[in-house]
C-alpha atoms as a PDB file:
ATOM      1  CA  MET A   1      40.582  93.197 122.488  1.00  0.00           C
ATOM      2  CA  THR A   2      40.460  94.620 118.969  1.00  0.00           C
ATOM      3  CA  ASP A   3      43.314  94.622 116.445  1.00  0.00           C
ATOM      4  CA  PRO A   4      46.265  96.171 118.374  1.00  0.00           C
ATOM      5  CA  THR A   5      47.919  97.433 115.189  1.00  0.00           C
ATOM      6  CA  ARG A   6      45.077  99.777 114.283  1.00  0.00           C
ATOM      7  CA  ARG A   7      44.695 103.347 115.484  1.00  0.00           C
ATOM      8  CA  VAL A   8      41.834 103.716 117.940  1.00  0.00           C
ATOM      9  CA  ALA A   9      39.288 106.562 117.975  1.00  0.00           C
ATOM     10  CA  LEU A  10      36.696 107.298 120.646  1.00  0.00           C
ATOM     11  CA  VAL A  11      33.689 109.254 119.372  1.00  0.00           C
ATOM     12  CA  THR A  12      31.328 110.591 122.026  1.00  0.00           C
ATOM     13  CA  GLY A  13      27.728 111.365 121.149  1.00  0.00           C
ATOM     14  CA  ALA A  14      28.067 108.868 118.312  1.00  0.00           C
ATOM     15  CA  THR A  15      24.568 107.400 118.441  1.00  0.00           C
ATOM     16  CA  SER A  16      22.841 110.091 116.366  1.00  0.00           C
ATOM     17  CA  GLY A  17      23.339 112.926 113.915  1.00  0.00           C
ATOM     18  CA  ILE A  18      26.840 114.113 113.093  1.00  0.00           C
ATOM     19  CA  GLY A  19      28.415 111.656 115.525  1.00  0.00           C
ATOM     20  CA  VAL A  20      27.196 108.647 113.543  1.00  0.00           C
ATOM     21  CA  GLU A  21      28.754 109.964 110.346  1.00  0.00           C
ATOM     22  CA  ILE A  22      32.020 110.758 112.123  1.00  0.00           C
ATOM     23  CA  ALA A  23      32.166 107.158 113.375  1.00  0.00           C
ATOM     24  CA  ARG A  24      31.495 105.854 109.869  1.00  0.00           C
ATOM     25  CA  ARG A  25      34.152 108.071 108.319  1.00  0.00           C
ATOM     26  CA  LEU A  26      36.875 107.192 110.816  1.00  0.00           C
ATOM     27  CA  ALA A  27      36.099 103.499 110.373  1.00  0.00           C
ATOM     28  CA  ARG A  28      36.450 103.908 106.605  1.00  0.00           C
ATOM     29  CA  ASP A  29      39.779 105.601 107.290  1.00  0.00           C
ATOM     30  CA  GLY A  30      40.920 102.353 108.899  1.00  0.00           C
ATOM     31  CA  LEU A  31      40.599 103.202 112.578  1.00  0.00           C
ATOM     32  CA  THR A  32      39.045 101.046 115.261  1.00  0.00           C
ATOM     33  CA  VAL A  33      36.106 103.141 116.422  1.00  0.00           C
ATOM     34  CA  VAL A  34      34.640 103.133 119.915  1.00  0.00           C
ATOM     35  CA  VAL A  35      31.091 104.443 119.663  1.00  0.00           C
ATOM     36  CA  SER A  36      29.800 106.058 122.834  1.00  0.00           C
ATOM     37  CA  GLY A  37      26.452 107.487 123.864  1.00  0.00           C
ATOM     38  CA  ARG A  38      23.577 107.032 126.276  1.00  0.00           C
ATOM     39  CA  SER A  39      21.308 104.817 124.166  1.00  0.00           C
ATOM     40  CA  VAL A  40      22.286 101.141 124.204  1.00  0.00           C
ATOM     41  CA  GLU A  41      19.918 100.298 121.356  1.00  0.00           C
ATOM     42  CA  ARG A  42      21.167 103.043 119.041  1.00  0.00           C
ATOM     43  CA  GLY A  43      24.769 102.555 120.074  1.00  0.00           C
ATOM     44  CA  ASN A  44      24.820  98.850 119.314  1.00  0.00           C
ATOM     45  CA  ALA A  45      23.097  99.526 115.989  1.00  0.00           C
ATOM     46  CA  VAL A  46      25.764 102.075 115.008  1.00  0.00           C
ATOM     47  CA  ALA A  47      28.616  99.793 116.100  1.00  0.00           C
ATOM     48  CA  ASP A  48      27.130  96.901 114.105  1.00  0.00           C
ATOM     49  CA  GLU A  49      26.696  99.103 111.023  1.00  0.00           C
ATOM     50  CA  VAL A  50      30.130 100.749 111.053  1.00  0.00           C
ATOM     51  CA  VAL A  51      32.677  98.921 108.901  1.00  0.00           C
ATOM     52  CA  GLY A  52      35.802  97.389 110.431  1.00  0.00           C
ATOM     53  CA  ASP A  53      36.528  97.013 114.137  1.00  0.00           C
ATOM     54  CA  SER A  54      34.037  98.909 116.268  1.00  0.00           C
ATOM     55  CA  VAL A  55      32.567  98.569 119.726  1.00  0.00           C
ATOM     56  CA  PHE A  56      29.903 100.401 121.707  1.00  0.00           C
ATOM     57  CA  VAL A  57      30.478 101.653 125.235  1.00  0.00           C
ATOM     58  CA  ARG A  58      27.506 103.219 126.974  1.00  0.00           C
ATOM     59  CA  ALA A  59      28.245 106.370 128.959  1.00  0.00           C
ATOM     60  CA  ASP A  60      26.294 109.276 130.379  1.00  0.00           C
ATOM     61  CA  LEU A  61      29.112 111.774 130.498  1.00  0.00           C
ATOM     62  CA  THR A  62      27.343 113.909 133.102  1.00  0.00           C
ATOM     63  CA  ASP A  63      27.602 111.102 135.682  1.00  0.00           C
ATOM     64  CA  PRO A  64      30.435 111.684 138.174  1.00  0.00           C
ATOM     65  CA  GLY A  65      33.587 109.967 136.959  1.00  0.00           C
ATOM     66  CA  ALA A  66      31.986 108.771 133.710  1.00  0.00           C
ATOM     67  CA  PRO A  67      34.632 110.211 131.337  1.00  0.00           C
ATOM     68  CA  ASP A  68      37.433 108.485 133.250  1.00  0.00           C
ATOM     69  CA  ARG A  69      35.543 105.190 133.288  1.00  0.00           C
ATOM     70  CA  LEU A  70      34.836 105.516 129.565  1.00  0.00           C
ATOM     71  CA  VAL A  71      38.495 106.013 128.665  1.00  0.00           C
ATOM     72  CA  ASP A  72      39.499 103.176 131.012  1.00  0.00           C
ATOM     73  CA  GLU A  73      37.100 100.856 129.188  1.00  0.00           C
ATOM     74  CA  VAL A  74      38.473 101.941 125.816  1.00  0.00           C
ATOM     75  CA  LEU A  75      41.968 101.035 127.046  1.00  0.00           C
ATOM     76  CA  ASP A  76      40.736  97.700 128.405  1.00  0.00           C
ATOM     77  CA  ARG A  77      39.057  96.784 125.119  1.00  0.00           C
ATOM     78  CA  CYS A  78      41.478  98.285 122.623  1.00  0.00           C
ATOM     79  CA  GLY A  79      44.780  98.616 124.446  1.00  0.00           C
ATOM     80  CA  HIS A  80      45.382 102.280 123.570  1.00  0.00           C
ATOM     81  CA  LEU A  81      43.705 105.487 122.411  1.00  0.00           C
ATOM     82  CA  ASP A  82      44.932 107.636 119.530  1.00  0.00           C
ATOM     83  CA  VAL A  83      41.992 109.932 118.744  1.00  0.00           C
ATOM     84  CA  LEU A  84      39.224 111.512 120.813  1.00  0.00           C
ATOM     85  CA  VAL A  85      36.325 113.205 119.047  1.00  0.00           C
ATOM     86  CA  ASN A  86      34.487 115.270 121.650  1.00  0.00           C
ATOM     87  CA  ASN A  87      31.100 115.360 119.938  1.00  0.00           C
ATOM     88  CA  ALA A  88      28.544 114.764 122.709  1.00  0.00           C
ATOM     89  CA  ALA A  89      26.313 117.793 123.236  1.00  0.00           C
ATOM     90  CA  VAL A  90      22.740 118.898 123.804  1.00  0.00           C
ATOM     91  CA  ASP A  91      20.913 121.711 122.073  1.00  0.00           C
ATOM     92  CA  HIS A  92      19.191 124.597 123.828  1.00  0.00           C
ATOM     93  CA  THR A  93      17.040 127.546 122.856  1.00  0.00           C
ATOM     94  CA  GLY A  94      15.297 130.088 125.034  1.00  0.00           C
ATOM     95  CA  PRO A  95      15.135 133.839 125.705  1.00  0.00           C
ATOM     96  CA  LEU A  96      18.332 134.597 127.594  1.00  0.00           C
ATOM     97  CA  LEU A  97      16.761 136.684 130.349  1.00  0.00           C
ATOM     98  CA  ASP A  98      14.263 133.940 131.157  1.00  0.00           C
ATOM     99  CA  VAL A  99      16.503 130.846 131.139  1.00  0.00           C
ATOM    100  CA  PRO A 100      16.454 129.250 134.623  1.00  0.00           C
ATOM    101  CA  ALA A 101      19.823 128.736 136.275  1.00  0.00           C
ATOM    102  CA  ALA A 102      19.201 124.988 136.416  1.00  0.00           C
ATOM    103  CA  GLU A 103      18.914 124.881 132.611  1.00  0.00           C
ATOM    104  CA  VAL A 104      22.145 126.826 132.201  1.00  0.00           C
ATOM    105  CA  ARG A 105      23.951 124.367 134.467  1.00  0.00           C
ATOM    106  CA  ALA A 106      22.475 121.371 132.631  1.00  0.00           C
ATOM    107  CA  ILE A 107      23.690 122.642 129.261  1.00  0.00           C
ATOM    108  CA  PHE A 108      27.164 123.327 130.596  1.00  0.00           C
ATOM    109  CA  GLU A 109      27.316 119.914 132.302  1.00  0.00           C
ATOM    110  CA  THR A 110      27.171 118.177 128.911  1.00  0.00           C
ATOM    111  CA  ASN A 111      28.536 120.697 126.434  1.00  0.00           C
ATOM    112  CA  THR A 112      31.363 122.104 128.520  1.00  0.00           C
ATOM    113  CA  PHE A 113      32.203 120.216 131.718  1.00  0.00           C
ATOM    114  CA  ALA A 114      31.859 116.723 130.228  1.00  0.00           C
ATOM    115  CA  THR A 115      33.866 117.788 127.183  1.00  0.00           C
ATOM    116  CA  ILE A 116      36.664 119.086 129.394  1.00  0.00           C
ATOM    117  CA  ALA A 117      36.609 115.896 131.470  1.00  0.00           C
ATOM    118  CA  CYS A 118      36.820 113.712 128.345  1.00  0.00           C
ATOM    119  CA  LEU A 119      39.744 115.759 127.059  1.00  0.00           C
ATOM    120  CA  GLN A 120      41.496 115.363 130.401  1.00  0.00           C
ATOM    121  CA  ALA A 121      40.934 111.606 130.577  1.00  0.00           C
ATOM    122  CA  ALA A 122      41.980 110.984 126.963  1.00  0.00           C
ATOM    123  CA  GLY A 123      44.939 113.351 127.273  1.00  0.00           C
ATOM    124  CA  ARG A 124      46.241 111.521 130.331  1.00  0.00           C
ATOM    125  CA  ALA A 125      45.983 108.188 128.497  1.00  0.00           C
ATOM    126  CA  MET A 126      47.840 109.609 125.487  1.00  0.00           C
ATOM    127  CA  ARG A 127      50.520 111.197 127.695  1.00  0.00           C
ATOM    128  CA  THR A 128      51.100 107.937 129.568  1.00  0.00           C
ATOM    129  CA  ARG A 129      51.505 105.970 126.341  1.00  0.00           C
ATOM    130  CA  GLY A 130      53.964 108.540 125.054  1.00  0.00           C
ATOM    131  CA  GLU A 131      53.064 108.351 121.366  1.00  0.00           C
ATOM    132  CA  GLY A 132      50.978 111.501 121.058  1.00  0.00           C
ATOM    133  CA  GLY A 133      47.433 111.715 119.790  1.00  0.00           C
ATOM    134  CA  SER A 134      44.725 113.886 118.318  1.00  0.00           C
ATOM    135  CA  ILE A 135      41.778 115.460 120.125  1.00  0.00           C
ATOM    136  CA  VAL A 136      39.039 117.016 118.001  1.00  0.00           C
ATOM    137  CA  ASN A 137      36.366 119.075 119.724  1.00  0.00           C
ATOM    138  CA  VAL A 138      33.067 119.769 117.995  1.00  0.00           C
ATOM    139  CA  THR A 139      32.029 123.350 118.675  1.00  0.00           C
ATOM    140  CA  SER A 140      29.636 125.416 116.546  1.00  0.00           C
ATOM    141  CA  ARG A 141      29.419 128.472 114.337  1.00  0.00           C
ATOM    142  CA  LEU A 142      27.438 129.861 117.301  1.00  0.00           C
ATOM    143  CA  ALA A 143      30.676 130.038 119.280  1.00  0.00           C
ATOM    144  CA  SER A 144      31.572 132.971 117.019  1.00  0.00           C
ATOM    145  CA  VAL A 145      28.285 134.642 116.073  1.00  0.00           C
ATOM    146  CA  GLY A 146      25.232 135.779 117.993  1.00  0.00           C
ATOM    147  CA  VAL A 147      21.786 134.320 117.325  1.00  0.00           C
ATOM    148  CA  PRO A 148      18.750 135.271 119.466  1.00  0.00           C
ATOM    149  CA  THR A 149      17.598 132.539 121.911  1.00  0.00           C
ATOM    150  CA  MET A 150      20.876 130.621 121.478  1.00  0.00           C
ATOM    151  CA  SER A 151      22.989 132.534 124.010  1.00  0.00           C
ATOM    152  CA  VAL A 152      23.416 129.749 126.578  1.00  0.00           C
ATOM    153  CA  TYR A 153      24.249 127.161 123.932  1.00  0.00           C
ATOM    154  CA  SER A 154      26.662 129.623 122.292  1.00  0.00           C
ATOM    155  CA  ALA A 155      28.413 130.235 125.599  1.00  0.00           C
ATOM    156  CA  SER A 156      28.818 126.514 126.241  1.00  0.00           C
ATOM    157  CA  LYS A 157      30.373 126.015 122.820  1.00  0.00           C
ATOM    158  CA  GLY A 158      32.434 129.203 122.999  1.00  0.00           C
ATOM    159  CA  ALA A 159      34.127 127.861 126.126  1.00  0.00           C
ATOM    160  CA  ILE A 160      35.218 124.794 124.155  1.00  0.00           C
ATOM    161  CA  ARG A 161      36.546 126.944 121.337  1.00  0.00           C
ATOM    162  CA  SER A 162      38.784 128.735 123.858  1.00  0.00           C
ATOM    163  CA  LEU A 163      39.700 125.448 125.524  1.00  0.00           C
ATOM    164  CA  THR A 164      40.889 124.131 122.172  1.00  0.00           C
ATOM    165  CA  THR A 165      43.497 126.851 121.682  1.00  0.00           C
ATOM    166  CA  ALA A 166      44.758 126.753 125.261  1.00  0.00           C
ATOM    167  CA  ALA A 167      44.889 122.960 125.452  1.00  0.00           C
ATOM    168  CA  ALA A 168      46.770 122.799 122.146  1.00  0.00           C
ATOM    169  CA  VAL A 169      49.603 124.854 123.593  1.00  0.00           C
ATOM    170  CA  GLU A 170      49.643 123.024 126.926  1.00  0.00           C
ATOM    171  CA  LEU A 171      49.592 119.522 125.442  1.00  0.00           C
ATOM    172  CA  ALA A 172      51.978 120.176 122.545  1.00  0.00           C
ATOM    173  CA  PRO A 173      55.020 118.935 124.543  1.00  0.00           C
ATOM    174  CA  TYR A 174      53.356 115.504 124.607  1.00  0.00           C
ATOM    175  CA  ASP A 175      52.685 115.619 120.835  1.00  0.00           C
ATOM    176  CA  ILE A 176      48.959 115.706 121.578  1.00  0.00           C
ATOM    177  CA  ARG A 177      47.242 117.894 119.012  1.00  0.00           C
ATOM    178  CA  VAL A 178      44.000 119.661 119.936  1.00  0.00           C
ATOM    179  CA  ASN A 179      41.767 121.121 117.243  1.00  0.00           C
ATOM    180  CA  ALA A 180      38.094 121.768 116.649  1.00  0.00           C
ATOM    181  CA  VAL A 181      35.474 121.847 113.941  1.00  0.00           C
ATOM    182  CA  ALA A 182      32.656 124.379 114.027  1.00  0.00           C
ATOM    183  CA  PRO A 183      29.664 123.128 112.018  1.00  0.00           C
ATOM    184  CA  GLY A 184      27.084 125.480 110.631  1.00  0.00           C
ATOM    185  CA  MET A 185      23.485 124.447 110.029  1.00  0.00           C
ATOM    186  CA  THR A 186      23.681 120.725 109.287  1.00  0.00           C
ATOM    187  CA  ARG A 187      21.070 118.321 107.958  1.00  0.00           C
ATOM    188  CA  THR A 188      20.594 116.097 111.017  1.00  0.00           C
ATOM    189  CA  PRO A 189      17.472 114.605 112.658  1.00  0.00           C
ATOM    190  CA  LEU A 190      17.509 117.579 115.046  1.00  0.00           C
ATOM    191  CA  TYR A 191      17.496 119.960 112.079  1.00  0.00           C
ATOM    192  CA  ALA A 192      14.612 118.019 110.518  1.00  0.00           C
ATOM    193  CA  GLU A 193      12.631 118.259 113.754  1.00  0.00           C
ATOM    194  CA  TRP A 194      13.207 122.006 113.930  1.00  0.00           C
ATOM    195  CA  LEU A 195      12.275 122.478 110.268  1.00  0.00           C
ATOM    196  CA  ALA A 196       9.027 120.565 110.783  1.00  0.00           C
ATOM    197  CA  THR A 197       7.915 123.106 113.409  1.00  0.00           C
ATOM    198  CA  GLN A 198       8.119 125.993 110.938  1.00  0.00           C
ATOM    199  CA  ASP A 199       4.969 127.344 109.276  1.00  0.00           C
ATOM    200  CA  ASP A 200       6.595 126.990 105.846  1.00  0.00           C
ATOM    201  CA  PRO A 201       9.358 124.359 106.090  1.00  0.00           C
ATOM    202  CA  ALA A 202      10.333 124.568 102.412  1.00  0.00           C
ATOM    203  CA  GLY A 203      10.456 128.352 102.504  1.00  0.00           C
ATOM    204  CA  THR A 204      12.433 128.339 105.728  1.00  0.00           C
ATOM    205  CA  GLU A 205      14.967 125.931 104.264  1.00  0.00           C
ATOM    206  CA  ARG A 206      15.412 128.130 101.204  1.00  0.00           C
ATOM    207  CA  GLN A 207      15.906 131.157 103.435  1.00  0.00           C
ATOM    208  CA  VAL A 208      18.523 129.359 105.541  1.00  0.00           C
ATOM    209  CA  ALA A 209      20.403 128.162 102.466  1.00  0.00           C
ATOM    210  CA  GLU A 210      20.347 131.620 100.878  1.00  0.00           C
ATOM    211  CA  ALA A 211      22.129 133.035 103.943  1.00  0.00           C
ATOM    212  CA  ILE A 212      25.058 130.678 103.327  1.00  0.00           C
ATOM    213  CA  PRO A 213      27.594 131.638 100.619  1.00  0.00           C
ATOM    214  CA  LEU A 214      27.704 128.083  99.239  1.00  0.00           C
ATOM    215  CA  ARG A 215      23.882 128.126  99.135  1.00  0.00           C
ATOM    216  CA  ARG A 216      23.229 124.770 100.800  1.00  0.00           C
ATOM    217  CA  ILE A 217      22.800 123.191 104.219  1.00  0.00           C
ATOM    218  CA  ALA A 218      25.765 121.116 105.377  1.00  0.00           C
ATOM    219  CA  GLU A 219      25.562 117.335 105.321  1.00  0.00           C
ATOM    220  CA  PRO A 220      26.951 115.332 108.274  1.00  0.00           C
ATOM    221  CA  GLY A 221      29.597 113.990 105.900  1.00  0.00           C
ATOM    222  CA  ASP A 222      30.955 117.514 105.406  1.00  0.00           C
ATOM    223  CA  VAL A 223      31.694 117.739 109.125  1.00  0.00           C
ATOM    224  CA  ALA A 224      33.026 114.185 109.287  1.00  0.00           C
ATOM    225  CA  ALA A 225      35.491 114.961 106.485  1.00  0.00           C
ATOM    226  CA  ALA A 226      36.987 117.825 108.475  1.00  0.00           C
ATOM    227  CA  VAL A 227      37.247 115.636 111.570  1.00  0.00           C
ATOM    228  CA  SER A 228      38.882 112.928 109.464  1.00  0.00           C
ATOM    229  CA  TYR A 229      41.586 115.355 108.338  1.00  0.00           C
ATOM    230  CA  LEU A 230      42.315 116.674 111.832  1.00  0.00           C
ATOM    231  CA  ALA A 231      42.496 113.130 113.212  1.00  0.00           C
ATOM    232  CA  SER A 232      44.857 111.960 110.495  1.00  0.00           C
ATOM    233  CA  PRO A 233      48.653 112.017 110.205  1.00  0.00           C
ATOM    234  CA  ASP A 234      48.147 114.508 107.349  1.00  0.00           C
ATOM    235  CA  ALA A 235      47.388 117.102 110.042  1.00  0.00           C
ATOM    236  CA  ALA A 236      50.509 116.303 112.065  1.00  0.00           C
ATOM    237  CA  TYR A 237      51.541 119.970 112.128  1.00  0.00           C
ATOM    238  CA  VAL A 238      48.071 121.392 112.772  1.00  0.00           C
ATOM    239  CA  THR A 239      47.050 122.195 116.337  1.00  0.00           C
ATOM    240  CA  GLY A 240      45.086 124.906 118.118  1.00  0.00           C
ATOM    241  CA  THR A 241      42.858 125.670 115.146  1.00  0.00           C
ATOM    242  CA  THR A 242      39.109 125.610 114.606  1.00  0.00           C
ATOM    243  CA  ILE A 243      37.855 124.746 111.119  1.00  0.00           C
ATOM    244  CA  PRO A 244      34.476 126.304 110.310  1.00  0.00           C
ATOM    245  CA  VAL A 245      32.374 123.819 108.336  1.00  0.00           C
ATOM    246  CA  ASP A 246      29.675 126.311 107.471  1.00  0.00           C
ATOM    247  CA  GLY A 247      29.732 126.964 103.739  1.00  0.00           C
ATOM    248  CA  GLY A 248      31.370 130.353 104.299  1.00  0.00           C
ATOM    249  CA  TYR A 249      28.767 131.672 106.755  1.00  0.00           C
ATOM    250  CA  LEU A 250      31.334 133.115 109.175  1.00  0.00           C
ATOM    251  CA  ALA A 251      33.418 134.574 106.346  1.00  0.00           C
ATOM    252  CA  GLN A 252      30.716 137.095 105.436  1.00  0.00           C
END
C-alpha cells in the first residue's frame, strides 16, 4: 500500500498523450497517482517516470466489469480514492453517412460507456468513504462545435459533457465534484501522426494555429494544468463546469 496520508488520483488512458502529462502534473502536486491503460510496457514506463508514489494498473475499460475491478484494485493498493480523471478515449474520423454501426458502438464503448462506468465506480467508492472527491472528465472542443468527419467522435464526447453537468448536481450531496476539461487541438503523438499525413505539414500547422485566437497549438501541459486546478482543493466550490482549453477557439 502507498502512503495513506496522500491524496490518491486515478488517471485512465494515462499511457500516452495528454494522459501522461496529467499523471505527471498530479504527481508533482503531491498526489499518489494510479496510472491506468491497456499497454503494460507503456504503463510501467510512465509509472516509473512519474515522481512520487505511483503505480500502474492495466485495464481495458471496455471489458465487462473492468471499471469496477480497476477501482477495487486502486482501493486495495492505496486504501482510498480522492480523484478520478476520466481520460481514456479513442479517436475516430469518417463520413457520417458511411460509418458502420459497429464502429459507432466501438467508439461509444470507450468514450462514453466506459467513462460512465468509471464515474459510477469511483463515485461509489467516494460516497462510501464519506469524504467527498473530485471527478474530472476529459471531453473535447468537438462536443460543442461541428467538424466534418468527426460527428461520431463529437457525439461520444458531447454525451460526457452533458453527463458532467447532471452528475455534478446528483453527486453534490456527497461532496463529490464533477467537472470537465475540453481540449482543443493539442500537440500529442496522435496530432503528430495526423500532421504527417498532410501534403504540407508545416503549412497545415500554420493554418490550424491561425484559426486559434492565441495563435498556437495547445501543449499537453496546458490541459494538465486545468485538470490540476479542478482536482485541487482550490476548486472546492467548482462543480458542473467544463473548462475549454482551446486558446479561445470556442469563444469566437
